[in-house]
Amino acid sequence: DDDNDGTLAAGEVDDTFYVCNGEDGAESLTKLTAEPAGANCTNGGVYIETGLDLNDDGNLDVGEVEYSEYVCDGL
């Protein structure tokens, strides 16, 4: 949100990723965790994890994470 208006405009999108359900019917899940200011994000941000719910328990477990990324605040 480069202009800090609370809305992500098309010109502010840095990356787009698609997370698809698995061929065996496994549901795709995304987990967002607030990232405090520190080594990973100087001003804080969000840690994003995605993957398939292989054991069908409705939770994205550590072993199911296929992709992760920090999205840091740009203050």
PDB file of N, CA and C in Angstrom:
ATOM      1  N   ASP A   1       0.850  -1.172   0.000  1.00  0.00           N
ATOM      2  CA  ASP A   1       0.000   0.000   0.000  1.00  0.00           C
ATOM      3  C   ASP A   1       0.897   1.237   0.000  1.00  0.00           C
ATOM      4  N   ASP A   2       1.481   1.518  -1.160  1.00  0.00           N
ATOM      5  CA  ASP A   2       2.473   2.586  -1.274  1.00  0.00           C
ATOM      6  C   ASP A   2       1.969   3.964  -0.834  1.00  0.00           C
ATOM      7  N   ASP A   3       0.685   4.241  -1.046  1.00  0.00           N
ATOM      8  CA  ASP A   3       0.159   5.564  -0.686  1.00  0.00           C
ATOM      9  C   ASP A   3      -0.572   5.559   0.657  1.00  0.00           C
ATOM     10  N   ASN A   4      -0.512   4.446   1.388  1.00  0.00           N
ATOM     11  CA  ASN A   4      -1.100   4.327   2.735  1.00  0.00           C
ATOM     12  C   ASN A   4      -2.578   4.679   2.798  1.00  0.00           C
ATOM     13  N   ASP A   5      -3.340   4.327   1.746  1.00  0.00           N
ATOM     14  CA  ASP A   5      -4.770   4.630   1.774  1.00  0.00           C
ATOM     15  C   ASP A   5      -5.622   3.434   2.230  1.00  0.00           C
ATOM     16  N   GLY A   6      -4.975   2.330   2.621  1.00  0.00           N
ATOM     17  CA  GLY A   6      -5.701   1.164   3.104  1.00  0.00           C
ATOM     18  C   GLY A   6      -6.239   0.265   2.014  1.00  0.00           C
ATOM     19  N   THR A   7      -5.921   0.557   0.759  1.00  0.00           N
ATOM     20  CA  THR A   7      -6.394  -0.232  -0.377  1.00  0.00           C
ATOM     21  C   THR A   7      -5.204  -0.609  -1.254  1.00  0.00           C
ATOM     22  N   LEU A   8      -5.149  -1.874  -1.662  1.00  0.00           N
ATOM     23  CA  LEU A   8      -4.087  -2.327  -2.547  1.00  0.00           C
ATOM     24  C   LEU A   8      -4.512  -2.079  -3.995  1.00  0.00           C
ATOM     25  N   ALA A   9      -3.960  -1.052  -4.591  1.00  0.00           N
ATOM     26  CA  ALA A   9      -4.267  -0.712  -5.977  1.00  0.00           C
ATOM     27  C   ALA A   9      -3.458  -1.600  -6.919  1.00  0.00           C
ATOM     28  N   ALA A  10      -3.896  -1.719  -8.155  1.00  0.00           N
ATOM     29  CA  ALA A  10      -3.228  -2.587  -9.138  1.00  0.00           C
ATOM     30  C   ALA A  10      -1.745  -2.266  -9.264  1.00  0.00           C
ATOM     31  N   GLY A  11      -1.371  -1.007  -9.236  1.00  0.00           N
ATOM     32  CA  GLY A  11       0.015  -0.605  -9.378  1.00  0.00           C
ATOM     33  C   GLY A  11       0.874  -0.902  -8.154  1.00  0.00           C
ATOM     34  N   GLU A  12       0.244  -1.297  -7.047  1.00  0.00           N
ATOM     35  CA  GLU A  12       0.971  -1.598  -5.813  1.00  0.00           C
ATOM     36  C   GLU A  12       1.237  -3.089  -5.628  1.00  0.00           C
ATOM     37  N   VAL A  13       0.720  -3.916  -6.511  1.00  0.00           N
ATOM     38  CA  VAL A  13       0.911  -5.363  -6.420  1.00  0.00           C
ATOM     39  C   VAL A  13       2.319  -5.708  -6.872  1.00  0.00           C
ATOM     40  N   ASP A  14       3.081  -6.364  -5.980  1.00  0.00           N
ATOM     41  CA  ASP A  14       4.453  -6.749  -6.302  1.00  0.00           C
ATOM     42  C   ASP A  14       4.530  -8.149  -6.912  1.00  0.00           C
ATOM     43  N   ASP A  15       3.739  -9.096  -6.415  1.00  0.00           N
ATOM     44  CA  ASP A  15       3.746 -10.472  -6.905  1.00  0.00           C
ATOM     45  C   ASP A  15       2.350 -11.051  -6.797  1.00  0.00           C
ATOM     46  N   THR A  16       2.050 -12.002  -7.659  1.00  0.00           N
ATOM     47  CA  THR A  16       0.804 -12.750  -7.609  1.00  0.00           C
ATOM     48  C   THR A  16       1.132 -14.230  -7.697  1.00  0.00           C
ATOM     49  N   PHE A  17       0.569 -15.021  -6.789  1.00  0.00           N
ATOM     50  CA  PHE A  17       0.772 -16.474  -6.788  1.00  0.00           C
ATOM     51  C   PHE A  17      -0.581 -17.155  -6.716  1.00  0.00           C
ATOM     52  N   TYR A  18      -0.710 -18.263  -7.398  1.00  0.00           N
ATOM     53  CA  TYR A  18      -1.927 -19.063  -7.351  1.00  0.00           C
ATOM     54  C   TYR A  18      -1.628 -20.346  -6.600  1.00  0.00           C
ATOM     55  N   VAL A  19      -2.491 -20.697  -5.669  1.00  0.00           N
ATOM     56  CA  VAL A  19      -2.369 -21.939  -4.912  1.00  0.00           C
ATOM     57  C   VAL A  19      -3.571 -22.781  -5.300  1.00  0.00           C
ATOM     58  N   CYS A  20      -3.313 -23.914  -5.957  1.00  0.00           N
ATOM     59  CA  CYS A  20      -4.389 -24.749  -6.483  1.00  0.00           C
ATOM     60  C   CYS A  20      -4.592 -25.982  -5.609  1.00  0.00           C
ATOM     61  N   ASN A  21      -5.830 -26.477  -5.590  1.00  0.00           N
ATOM     62  CA  ASN A  21      -6.101 -27.720  -4.886  1.00  0.00           C
ATOM     63  C   ASN A  21      -5.334 -28.856  -5.546  1.00  0.00           C
ATOM     64  N   GLY A  22      -4.999 -29.885  -4.759  1.00  0.00           N
ATOM     65  CA  GLY A  22      -4.231 -31.013  -5.271  1.00  0.00           C
ATOM     66  C   GLY A  22      -5.065 -31.940  -6.133  1.00  0.00           C
ATOM     67  N   GLU A  23      -4.407 -32.721  -6.953  1.00  0.00           N
ATOM     68  CA  GLU A  23      -5.099 -33.663  -7.834  1.00  0.00           C
ATOM     69  C   GLU A  23      -5.869 -34.714  -7.046  1.00  0.00           C
ATOM     70  N   ASP A  24      -5.390 -35.028  -5.828  1.00  0.00           N
ATOM     71  CA  ASP A  24      -6.055 -36.037  -5.014  1.00  0.00           C
ATOM     72  C   ASP A  24      -7.187 -35.454  -4.174  1.00  0.00           C
ATOM     73  N   GLY A  25      -7.556 -34.204  -4.421  1.00  0.00           N
ATOM     74  CA  GLY A  25      -8.641 -33.553  -3.705  1.00  0.00           C
ATOM     75  C   GLY A  25      -8.196 -32.768  -2.491  1.00  0.00           C
ATOM     76  N   ALA A  26      -6.896 -32.733  -2.208  1.00  0.00           N
ATOM     77  CA  ALA A  26      -6.409 -31.973  -1.064  1.00  0.00           C
ATOM     78  C   ALA A  26      -6.697 -30.485  -1.270  1.00  0.00           C
ATOM     79  N   GLU A  27      -7.213 -29.846  -0.244  1.00  0.00           N
ATOM     80  CA  GLU A  27      -7.554 -28.429  -0.307  1.00  0.00           C
ATOM     81  C   GLU A  27      -6.308 -27.574  -0.108  1.00  0.00           C
ATOM     82  N   SER A  28      -6.210 -26.477  -0.841  1.00  0.00           N
ATOM     83  CA  SER A  28      -5.105 -25.545  -0.647  1.00  0.00           C
ATOM     84  C   SER A  28      -5.443 -24.622   0.522  1.00  0.00           C
ATOM     85  N   LEU A  29      -4.430 -24.317   1.327  1.00  0.00           N
ATOM     86  CA  LEU A  29      -4.604 -23.443   2.483  1.00  0.00           C
ATOM     87  C   LEU A  29      -3.535 -22.362   2.474  1.00  0.00           C
ATOM     88  N   THR A  30      -3.860 -21.224   3.051  1.00  0.00           N
ATOM     89  CA  THR A  30      -2.917 -20.129   3.228  1.00  0.00           C
ATOM     90  C   THR A  30      -2.992 -19.675   4.673  1.00  0.00           C
ATOM     91  N   LYS A  31      -1.830 -19.493   5.286  1.00  0.00           N
ATOM     92  CA  LYS A  31      -1.750 -19.064   6.681  1.00  0.00           C
ATOM     93  C   LYS A  31      -0.997 -17.739   6.734  1.00  0.00           C
ATOM     94  N   LEU A  32      -1.593 -16.731   7.381  1.00  0.00           N
ATOM     95  CA  LEU A  32      -0.972 -15.417   7.556  1.00  0.00           C
ATOM     96  C   LEU A  32      -0.628 -15.239   9.031  1.00  0.00           C
ATOM     97  N   THR A  33       0.600 -14.824   9.296  1.00  0.00           N
ATOM     98  CA  THR A  33       1.048 -14.582  10.666  1.00  0.00           C
ATOM     99  C   THR A  33       1.683 -13.200  10.726  1.00  0.00           C
ATOM    100  N   ALA A  34       1.255 -12.395  11.687  1.00  0.00           N
ATOM    101  CA  ALA A  34       1.862 -11.074  11.863  1.00  0.00           C
ATOM    102  C   ALA A  34       3.344 -11.242  12.180  1.00  0.00           C
ATOM    103  N   GLU A  35       4.178 -10.502  11.490  1.00  0.00           N
ATOM    104  CA  GLU A  35       5.633 -10.549  11.687  1.00  0.00           C
ATOM    105  C   GLU A  35       6.049  -9.260  12.393  1.00  0.00           C
ATOM    106  N   PRO A  36       6.597  -9.373  13.605  1.00  0.00           N
ATOM    107  CA  PRO A  36       7.019  -8.171  14.317  1.00  0.00           C
ATOM    108  C   PRO A  36       8.247  -7.531  13.663  1.00  0.00           C
ATOM    109  N   ALA A  37       8.474  -6.276  13.972  1.00  0.00           N
ATOM    110  CA  ALA A  37       9.677  -5.601  13.483  1.00  0.00           C
ATOM    111  C   ALA A  37      10.900  -6.343  13.980  1.00  0.00           C
ATOM    112  N   GLY A  38      11.843  -6.573  13.081  1.00  0.00           N
ATOM    113  CA  GLY A  38      13.049  -7.299  13.465  1.00  0.00           C
ATOM    114  C   GLY A  38      13.868  -7.688  12.254  1.00  0.00           C
ATOM    115  N   ALA A  39      14.568  -8.814  12.384  1.00  0.00           N
ATOM    116  CA  ALA A  39      15.513  -9.254  11.357  1.00  0.00           C
ATOM    117  C   ALA A  39      14.839  -9.551  10.014  1.00  0.00           C
ATOM    118  N   ASN A  40      13.631 -10.121  10.025  1.00  0.00           N
ATOM    119  CA  ASN A  40      12.960 -10.492   8.775  1.00  0.00           C
ATOM    120  C   ASN A  40      12.279  -9.302   8.096  1.00  0.00           C
ATOM    121  N   CYS A  41      11.743  -8.389   8.888  1.00  0.00           N
ATOM    122  CA  CYS A  41      11.062  -7.195   8.383  1.00  0.00           C
ATOM    123  C   CYS A  41      11.389  -6.037   9.322  1.00  0.00           C
ATOM    124  N   THR A  42      12.156  -5.104   8.850  1.00  0.00           N
ATOM    125  CA  THR A  42      12.604  -3.988   9.675  1.00  0.00           C
ATOM    126  C   THR A  42      11.442  -3.283  10.365  1.00  0.00           C
ATOM    127  N   ASN A  43      10.347  -3.072   9.628  1.00  0.00           N
ATOM    128  CA  ASN A  43       9.189  -2.346  10.166  1.00  0.00           C
ATOM    129  C   ASN A  43       8.009  -3.257  10.480  1.00  0.00           C
ATOM    130  N   GLY A  44       8.235  -4.569  10.522  1.00  0.00           N
ATOM    131  CA  GLY A  44       7.146  -5.517  10.718  1.00  0.00           C
ATOM    132  C   GLY A  44       6.481  -5.852   9.400  1.00  0.00           C
ATOM    133  N   GLY A  45       5.516  -6.745   9.442  1.00  0.00           N
ATOM    134  CA  GLY A  45       4.811  -7.143   8.222  1.00  0.00           C
ATOM    135  C   GLY A  45       3.997  -8.399   8.453  1.00  0.00           C
ATOM    136  N   VAL A  46       3.950  -9.259   7.438  1.00  0.00           N
ATOM    137  CA  VAL A  46       3.173 -10.491   7.481  1.00  0.00           C
ATOM    138  C   VAL A  46       4.017 -11.628   6.930  1.00  0.00           C
ATOM    139  N   TYR A  47       3.945 -12.799   7.579  1.00  0.00           N
ATOM    140  CA  TYR A  47       4.587 -14.010   7.076  1.00  0.00           C
ATOM    141  C   TYR A  47       3.490 -14.868   6.460  1.00  0.00           C
ATOM    142  N   ILE A  48       3.630 -15.201   5.169  1.00  0.00           N
ATOM    143  CA  ILE A  48       2.615 -15.944   4.424  1.00  0.00           C
ATOM    144  C   ILE A  48       3.136 -17.343   4.138  1.00  0.00           C
ATOM    145  N   GLU A  49       2.319 -18.363   4.452  1.00  0.00           N
ATOM    146  CA  GLU A  49       2.650 -19.752   4.146  1.00  0.00           C
ATOM    147  C   GLU A  49       1.493 -20.367   3.363  1.00  0.00           C
ATOM    148  N   THR A  50       1.795 -21.148   2.332  1.00  0.00           N
ATOM    149  CA  THR A  50       0.763 -21.822   1.548  1.00  0.00           C
ATOM    150  C   THR A  50       1.152 -23.268   1.315  1.00  0.00           C
ATOM    151  N   GLY A  51       0.147 -24.094   1.079  1.00  0.00           N
ATOM    152  CA  GLY A  51       0.386 -25.500   0.783  1.00  0.00           C
ATOM    153  C   GLY A  51      -0.924 -26.263   0.732  1.00  0.00           C
ATOM    154  N   LEU A  52      -0.822 -27.566   0.570  1.00  0.00           N
ATOM    155  CA  LEU A  52      -1.991 -28.442   0.490  1.00  0.00           C
ATOM    156  C   LEU A  52      -2.226 -29.119   1.835  1.00  0.00           C
ATOM    157  N   ASP A  53      -3.484 -29.209   2.237  1.00  0.00           N
ATOM    158  CA  ASP A  53      -3.885 -29.871   3.477  1.00  0.00           C
ATOM    159  C   ASP A  53      -3.909 -31.384   3.231  1.00  0.00           C
ATOM    160  N   LEU A  54      -2.735 -31.995   3.241  1.00  0.00           N
ATOM    161  CA  LEU A  54      -2.587 -33.399   2.855  1.00  0.00           C
ATOM    162  C   LEU A  54      -3.292 -34.367   3.801  1.00  0.00           C
ATOM    163  N   ASN A  55      -3.392 -34.023   5.086  1.00  0.00           N
ATOM    164  CA  ASN A  55      -4.049 -34.920   6.034  1.00  0.00           C
ATOM    165  C   ASN A  55      -5.501 -34.519   6.292  1.00  0.00           C
ATOM    166  N   ASP A  56      -6.007 -33.539   5.549  1.00  0.00           N
ATOM    167  CA  ASP A  56      -7.410 -33.126   5.574  1.00  0.00           C
ATOM    168  C   ASP A  56      -7.902 -32.776   6.979  1.00  0.00           C
ATOM    169  N   ASP A  57      -7.033 -32.097   7.776  1.00  0.00           N
ATOM    170  CA  ASP A  57      -7.453 -31.716   9.124  1.00  0.00           C
ATOM    171  C   ASP A  57      -7.852 -30.247   9.222  1.00  0.00           C
ATOM    172  N   GLY A  58      -7.832 -29.519   8.098  1.00  0.00           N
ATOM    173  CA  GLY A  58      -8.240 -28.124   8.088  1.00  0.00           C
ATOM    174  C   GLY A  58      -7.170 -27.157   8.545  1.00  0.00           C
ATOM    175  N   ASN A  59      -5.968 -27.653   8.833  1.00  0.00           N
ATOM    176  CA  ASN A  59      -4.857 -26.813   9.279  1.00  0.00           C
ATOM    177  C   ASN A  59      -3.673 -26.991   8.334  1.00  0.00           C
ATOM    178  N   LEU A  60      -2.921 -25.926   8.143  1.00  0.00           N
ATOM    179  CA  LEU A  60      -1.697 -25.994   7.350  1.00  0.00           C
ATOM    180  C   LEU A  60      -0.560 -26.339   8.309  1.00  0.00           C
ATOM    181  N   ASP A  61      -0.186 -27.597   8.338  1.00  0.00           N
ATOM    182  CA  ASP A  61       0.866 -28.083   9.227  1.00  0.00           C
ATOM    183  C   ASP A  61       2.239 -27.779   8.637  1.00  0.00           C
ATOM    184  N   VAL A  62       3.262 -27.780   9.487  1.00  0.00           N
ATOM    185  CA  VAL A  62       4.624 -27.444   9.067  1.00  0.00           C
ATOM    186  C   VAL A  62       5.053 -28.273   7.858  1.00  0.00           C
ATOM    187  N   GLY A  63       4.797 -29.558   7.848  1.00  0.00           N
ATOM    188  CA  GLY A  63       5.204 -30.431   6.750  1.00  0.00           C
ATOM    189  C   GLY A  63       4.408 -30.241   5.471  1.00  0.00           C
ATOM    190  N   GLU A  64       3.332 -29.462   5.524  1.00  0.00           N
ATOM    191  CA  GLU A  64       2.493 -29.229   4.350  1.00  0.00           C
ATOM    192  C   GLU A  64       2.818 -27.909   3.637  1.00  0.00           C
ATOM    193  N   VAL A  65       3.647 -27.081   4.230  1.00  0.00           N
ATOM    194  CA  VAL A  65       3.987 -25.777   3.646  1.00  0.00           C
ATOM    195  C   VAL A  65       4.865 -25.983   2.412  1.00  0.00           C
ATOM    196  N   GLU A  66       4.395 -25.476   1.273  1.00  0.00           N
ATOM    197  CA  GLU A  66       5.135 -25.591   0.013  1.00  0.00           C
ATOM    198  C   GLU A  66       5.806 -24.281  -0.376  1.00  0.00           C
ATOM    199  N   TYR A  67       5.299 -23.164   0.143  1.00  0.00           N
ATOM    200  CA  TYR A  67       5.844 -21.860  -0.204  1.00  0.00           C
ATOM    201  C   TYR A  67       5.646 -20.927   0.982  1.00  0.00           C
ATOM    202  N   SER A  68       6.628 -20.108   1.255  1.00  0.00           N
ATOM    203  CA  SER A  68       6.505 -19.107   2.313  1.00  0.00           C
ATOM    204  C   SER A  68       7.228 -17.835   1.892  1.00  0.00           C
ATOM    205  N   GLU A  69       6.748 -16.711   2.379  1.00  0.00           N
ATOM    206  CA  GLU A  69       7.298 -15.409   1.997  1.00  0.00           C
ATOM    207  C   GLU A  69       6.968 -14.375   3.054  1.00  0.00           C
ATOM    208  N   TYR A  70       7.889 -13.467   3.321  1.00  0.00           N
ATOM    209  CA  TYR A  70       7.625 -12.323   4.177  1.00  0.00           C
ATOM    210  C   TYR A  70       7.176 -11.169   3.287  1.00  0.00           C
ATOM    211  N   VAL A  71       6.111 -10.491   3.697  1.00  0.00           N
ATOM    212  CA  VAL A  71       5.673  -9.255   3.046  1.00  0.00           C
ATOM    213  C   VAL A  71       5.832  -8.183   4.109  1.00  0.00           C
ATOM    214  N   CYS A  72       6.822  -7.319   3.909  1.00  0.00           N
ATOM    215  CA  CYS A  72       7.198  -6.355   4.934  1.00  0.00           C
ATOM    216  C   CYS A  72       6.557  -4.993   4.711  1.00  0.00           C
ATOM    217  N   ASP A  73       6.235  -4.333   5.835  1.00  0.00           N
ATOM    218  CA  ASP A  73       5.729  -2.979   5.778  1.00  0.00           C
ATOM    219  C   ASP A  73       6.832  -2.058   5.274  1.00  0.00           C
ATOM    220  N   GLY A  74       6.491  -1.121   4.455  1.00  0.00           N
ATOM    221  CA  GLY A  74       7.487  -0.223   3.868  1.00  0.00           C
ATOM    222  C   GLY A  74       7.411   1.182   4.407  1.00  0.00           C
ATOM    223  N   LEU A  75       7.498   1.314   5.704  1.00  0.00           N
ATOM    224  CA  LEU A  75       7.427   2.647   6.313  1.00  0.00           C
ATOM    225  C   LEU A  75       8.672   3.437   6.066  1.00  0.00           C
TER     226      LEU A  75
END
